[in-house]
Amino acid sequence: MHKGAIAYLVIGIFLLIIFLLWYVHIGASKHITTITTIASTTSSLTTTIINKNLTSTTTTTTIPPVGSCLSPNKTLALENGNFSTGTYEDWNLTGYGFGSAPLNITWANNNSCYYNTTWMGYNGNFFATTYHCGLVLQAGNLTSKPFEVVLPYLNFKIISPYDAQLYVEIIKDGKPVIITHYDTYNAPGNLYPTSQFENASIPIAMFMCQNVSVRVVANVVGTVVNRLDYIAVGDFYQSAVPIQTPGIVVNQQIVS
């Protein structure tokens, strides 16, 4: 073989080895938080939740095949999940925290019913919140109508600072089975945390084909001093994939 050709061959092999080493390094540095496989046969979902304190919770759940209860659709909205009716129809209220009706985002933005800047990052016209134009906070719970789990995630929009009295639960048989505290103020690049909705996802595949509810808990009772300890939520739907903004989960507890 010609010496020049041999030289090119050696250089080519060397570059190939460098590329493979680089590719393996990049691949190894990626952290896969969720792996979802849905096929015509029974499959599994592995979910790793990285909390703010860098601890993690990992669960593996068997997902029934399409044709049992697993939805062939990628998303499925909860009944009145984005409060588009302008009411709390299909939701149950306790206490006074969430008011008598969801907040109309257009009305709120036009009438300065927000803190610091207008509401942003929301897809619909109405959302549930314990913020009432700067008035005193009151305690209250908001619980959805039971729904059958047919997709592995519950996605929704949320604004919430970290407060031990503010959290979102998945309820089964009247008892909490997943409890999640959020701090959307910790979202990367969030310049207006009091008004910017962030994406949240709760893995619910472990309850596939069972009926559950989502409950938003706001036990904060306060005055003007802690008026920012409010929660705002909406646009609840089941999904085949999570869309959670990184860094907003403070802790998530799976209750046995």
Protein backbone atom coordinates (compact mmCIF):
# COMPACT_ATOMS: atom_id res chain seq x y z
CA MET A 1 0.00 0.00 0.00
CA HIS A 2 1.24 3.53 -0.79
CA LYS A 3 2.79 5.31 2.20
CA GLY A 4 0.48 8.30 1.75
CA ALA A 5 -2.59 6.07 1.81
CA ILE A 6 -1.32 4.34 4.94
CA ALA A 7 -0.83 7.70 6.61
CA TYR A 8 -4.37 8.78 5.75
CA LEU A 9 -5.70 5.46 7.06
CA VAL A 10 -3.86 5.85 10.37
CA ILE A 11 -5.11 9.42 10.74
CA GLY A 12 -8.66 8.28 9.95
CA ILE A 13 -8.54 5.53 12.56
CA PHE A 14 -7.12 7.96 15.12
CA LEU A 15 -9.90 10.49 14.47
CA LEU A 16 -12.51 7.73 14.68
CA ILE A 17 -11.16 6.65 18.09
CA ILE A 18 -11.21 10.28 19.31
CA PHE A 19 -14.83 10.66 18.13
CA LEU A 20 -15.92 7.45 19.85
CA LEU A 21 -14.25 8.48 23.10
CA TRP A 22 -15.92 11.92 22.90
CA TYR A 23 -19.33 10.36 22.15
CA VAL A 24 -19.09 7.93 25.08
CA HIS A 25 -18.04 10.75 27.40
CA ILE A 26 -20.96 12.97 26.36
CA GLY A 27 -23.40 10.11 26.61
CA ALA A 28 -22.19 9.16 30.07
CA SER A 29 -22.53 12.73 31.31
CA LYS A 30 -26.23 12.94 30.50
CA HIS A 31 -28.67 12.24 33.31
CA ILE A 32 -31.83 10.52 32.15
CA THR A 33 -34.53 11.26 34.69
CA THR A 34 -37.36 9.37 33.01
CA ILE A 35 -37.56 6.43 30.66
CA THR A 36 -40.98 5.64 29.24
CA THR A 37 -41.65 2.74 26.89
CA ILE A 38 -45.17 2.12 25.67
CA ALA A 39 -45.62 -0.77 23.27
CA SER A 40 -48.29 -3.28 22.33
CA THR A 41 -47.12 -5.49 25.17
CA THR A 42 -46.76 -4.76 28.87
CA SER A 43 -43.90 -2.34 29.49
CA SER A 44 -42.44 -0.41 32.39
CA LEU A 45 -41.79 3.17 33.43
CA THR A 46 -38.80 4.16 35.54
CA THR A 47 -38.97 7.60 37.11
CA THR A 48 -36.19 9.29 39.06
CA ILE A 49 -37.11 12.49 40.89
CA ILE A 50 -34.15 14.69 41.84
CA ASN A 51 -35.13 16.92 44.75
CA LYS A 52 -33.72 20.36 45.50
CA ASN A 53 -31.44 18.89 48.18
CA LEU A 54 -30.01 16.47 45.54
CA THR A 55 -31.66 13.39 47.05
CA SER A 56 -33.57 11.17 44.64
CA THR A 57 -36.59 8.91 44.56
CA THR A 58 -36.78 6.17 41.96
CA THR A 59 -39.86 4.13 41.11
CA THR A 60 -40.43 1.48 38.45
CA THR A 61 -43.99 0.78 37.40
CA THR A 62 -45.44 -1.77 35.00
CA ILE A 63 -47.67 -0.12 32.43
CA PRO A 64 -50.59 -2.10 30.99
CA PRO A 65 -50.60 -2.52 27.21
CA VAL A 66 -52.73 -0.41 24.88
CA GLY A 67 -56.21 -1.91 24.84
CA SER A 68 -56.46 -2.35 28.63
CA CYS A 69 -56.77 1.18 30.02
CA LEU A 70 -53.64 2.86 28.64
CA SER A 71 -54.78 5.69 26.41
CA PRO A 72 -53.57 5.64 22.78
CA ASN A 73 -53.52 9.45 22.96
CA LYS A 74 -50.47 11.44 24.07
CA THR A 75 -52.51 13.72 26.33
CA LEU A 76 -55.89 13.68 28.05
CA ALA A 77 -57.31 16.70 29.89
CA LEU A 78 -58.94 16.39 33.28
CA GLU A 79 -62.56 17.48 33.38
CA ASN A 80 -62.46 21.28 33.66
CA GLY A 81 -58.73 20.85 34.23
CA ASN A 82 -57.98 24.35 32.96
CA PHE A 83 -61.06 25.87 34.62
CA SER A 84 -62.30 26.97 31.19
CA THR A 85 -65.88 27.07 32.50
CA GLY A 86 -64.92 29.98 34.71
CA THR A 87 -66.19 27.95 37.67
CA TYR A 88 -65.00 25.18 39.97
CA GLU A 89 -67.28 22.67 38.27
CA ASP A 90 -65.90 19.11 38.71
CA TRP A 91 -63.77 20.33 41.64
CA ASN A 92 -64.51 20.31 45.35
CA LEU A 93 -63.68 23.32 47.53
CA THR A 94 -63.03 23.44 51.26
CA GLY A 95 -62.26 26.65 53.05
CA TYR A 96 -62.10 30.12 51.51
CA GLY A 97 -58.55 30.14 50.15
CA PHE A 98 -59.38 29.64 46.47
CA GLY A 99 -62.36 31.97 46.49
CA SER A 100 -65.70 31.20 44.90
CA ALA A 101 -64.41 31.00 41.31
CA PRO A 102 -61.14 30.79 39.33
CA LEU A 103 -59.35 34.03 38.46
CA ASN A 104 -59.83 35.39 34.94
CA ILE A 105 -56.32 36.11 33.71
CA THR A 106 -57.40 38.83 31.25
CA TRP A 107 -59.42 40.65 33.89
CA ALA A 108 -56.61 40.29 36.41
CA ASN A 109 -53.97 41.68 34.05
CA ASN A 110 -56.21 44.56 32.98
CA ASN A 111 -57.05 45.47 36.56
CA SER A 112 -53.59 45.17 38.14
CA CYS A 113 -54.65 42.06 40.08
CA TYR A 114 -51.14 40.67 40.22
CA TYR A 115 -47.93 41.21 42.16
CA ASN A 116 -45.04 43.00 40.45
CA THR A 117 -46.01 42.15 36.84
CA THR A 118 -48.80 40.60 34.78
CA TRP A 119 -49.50 36.86 34.87
CA MET A 120 -47.41 34.94 32.31
CA GLY A 121 -46.82 31.42 31.02
CA TYR A 122 -50.43 30.20 31.25
CA ASN A 123 -52.34 28.60 28.37
CA GLY A 124 -55.95 29.24 29.35
CA ASN A 125 -58.24 32.03 30.50
CA PHE A 126 -58.87 30.97 34.11
CA PHE A 127 -56.72 29.52 36.89
CA ALA A 128 -57.19 28.66 40.55
CA THR A 129 -55.27 30.71 43.09
CA THR A 130 -55.21 31.84 46.70
CA TYR A 131 -54.02 35.26 45.51
CA HIS A 132 -56.87 37.77 45.60
CA CYS A 133 -55.45 41.06 44.40
CA GLY A 134 -53.23 41.54 47.43
CA LEU A 135 -55.82 40.81 50.09
CA VAL A 136 -55.22 38.66 53.17
CA LEU A 137 -54.51 34.98 52.46
CA GLN A 138 -56.96 32.35 53.66
CA ALA A 139 -56.66 28.58 53.91
CA GLY A 140 -58.40 26.23 51.51
CA ASN A 141 -58.18 22.99 49.52
CA LEU A 142 -59.14 22.31 45.92
CA THR A 143 -59.79 18.68 44.92
CA SER A 144 -60.53 17.37 41.44
CA LYS A 145 -63.22 14.94 40.50
CA PRO A 146 -61.78 11.37 40.56
CA PHE A 147 -60.28 10.31 37.24
CA GLU A 148 -58.94 7.03 35.90
CA VAL A 149 -55.18 7.00 35.36
CA VAL A 150 -54.64 6.12 31.70
CA LEU A 151 -51.30 7.88 31.07
CA PRO A 152 -48.13 7.88 33.21
CA TYR A 153 -47.91 11.59 34.13
CA LEU A 154 -50.09 14.36 35.45
CA ASN A 155 -48.91 17.66 33.98
CA PHE A 156 -50.03 21.13 35.02
CA LYS A 157 -49.03 24.77 35.49
CA ILE A 158 -48.09 26.18 38.88
CA ILE A 159 -46.79 29.21 40.77
CA SER A 160 -45.69 28.50 44.34
CA PRO A 161 -42.92 29.62 46.65
CA TYR A 162 -41.69 26.98 49.06
CA ASP A 163 -43.91 26.83 52.12
CA ALA A 164 -44.55 23.70 54.17
CA GLN A 165 -48.26 24.58 54.01
CA LEU A 166 -48.41 24.75 50.19
CA TYR A 167 -48.34 21.49 48.24
CA VAL A 168 -50.04 19.27 45.65
CA GLU A 169 -51.29 15.77 46.46
CA ILE A 170 -52.44 12.76 44.53
CA ILE A 171 -55.36 11.25 46.45
CA LYS A 172 -56.48 7.63 46.29
CA ASP A 173 -59.35 6.22 48.34
CA GLY A 174 -59.50 9.48 50.24
CA LYS A 175 -55.84 9.35 51.34
CA PRO A 176 -52.74 11.13 49.96
CA VAL A 177 -50.40 8.78 48.09
CA ILE A 178 -48.03 11.36 46.58
CA ILE A 179 -47.22 14.73 48.20
CA THR A 180 -45.14 17.32 46.34
CA HIS A 181 -43.81 20.67 47.56
CA TYR A 182 -42.69 23.16 44.92
CA ASP A 183 -40.60 26.30 44.70
CA THR A 184 -41.17 27.81 41.27
CA TYR A 185 -39.18 30.84 42.41
CA ASN A 186 -36.18 28.56 41.94
CA ALA A 187 -36.87 27.99 38.22
CA PRO A 188 -33.91 28.85 35.97
CA GLY A 189 -34.25 32.23 34.30
CA ASN A 190 -37.48 33.13 36.09
CA LEU A 191 -37.27 36.92 36.43
CA TYR A 192 -40.85 37.38 37.65
CA PRO A 193 -41.49 34.44 40.01
CA THR A 194 -44.62 35.95 41.56
CA SER A 195 -46.40 35.92 38.20
CA GLN A 196 -44.64 33.35 36.00
CA PHE A 197 -46.30 29.93 35.69
CA GLU A 198 -43.96 26.94 35.44
CA ASN A 199 -44.56 23.42 34.14
CA ALA A 200 -44.94 20.60 36.68
CA SER A 201 -45.28 16.83 36.27
CA ILE A 202 -46.20 14.17 38.81
CA PRO A 203 -45.58 10.49 37.89
CA ILE A 204 -48.85 8.60 38.37
CA ALA A 205 -48.13 5.41 36.40
CA MET A 206 -48.06 3.38 39.62
CA PHE A 207 -51.83 3.94 39.80
CA MET A 208 -52.54 2.97 36.21
CA CYS A 209 -56.15 1.84 35.67
CA GLN A 210 -57.12 3.11 39.13
CA ASN A 211 -59.12 6.16 40.14
CA VAL A 212 -57.30 9.05 41.82
CA SER A 213 -57.81 12.77 42.40
CA VAL A 214 -55.45 15.72 42.55
CA ARG A 215 -55.71 18.01 45.57
CA VAL A 216 -54.10 21.43 45.90
CA VAL A 217 -53.50 22.27 49.55
CA ALA A 218 -53.06 25.84 50.78
CA ASN A 219 -53.04 26.02 54.57
CA VAL A 220 -51.40 29.43 54.72
CA VAL A 221 -53.32 31.97 56.79
CA GLY A 222 -51.63 35.33 56.86
CA THR A 223 -51.57 39.06 56.45
CA VAL A 224 -49.77 41.53 54.25
CA VAL A 225 -46.49 40.32 55.77
CA ASN A 226 -46.61 36.94 53.97
CA ARG A 227 -48.91 37.87 51.11
CA LEU A 228 -46.52 36.24 48.63
CA ASP A 229 -47.12 32.77 50.08
CA TYR A 230 -49.89 32.06 47.60
CA ILE A 231 -50.30 29.25 45.10
CA ALA A 232 -51.74 29.35 41.57
CA VAL A 233 -52.49 26.28 39.44
CA GLY A 234 -54.30 25.16 36.31
CA ASP A 235 -54.19 23.32 32.97
CA PHE A 236 -54.24 19.82 34.52
CA TYR A 237 -53.96 16.94 32.06
CA GLN A 238 -52.61 13.41 31.83
CA SER A 239 -49.65 12.91 29.51
CA ALA A 240 -47.40 10.24 28.05
CA VAL A 241 -44.35 12.41 28.76
CA PRO A 242 -43.36 14.82 31.57
CA ILE A 243 -42.67 18.51 30.93
CA GLN A 244 -41.46 19.67 34.32
CA THR A 245 -39.33 22.79 34.68
CA PRO A 246 -36.04 21.72 36.30
CA GLY A 247 -35.29 22.74 39.88
CA ILE A 248 -38.83 23.47 41.09
CA VAL A 249 -39.44 20.31 43.18
CA VAL A 250 -38.34 20.82 46.76
CA ASN A 251 -39.41 17.34 47.83
CA GLN A 252 -41.79 14.63 46.71
CA GLN A 253 -43.01 11.90 49.01
CA ILE A 254 -44.60 8.66 47.89
CA VAL A 255 -46.78 7.52 50.76
CA SER A 256 -46.96 3.76 51.20
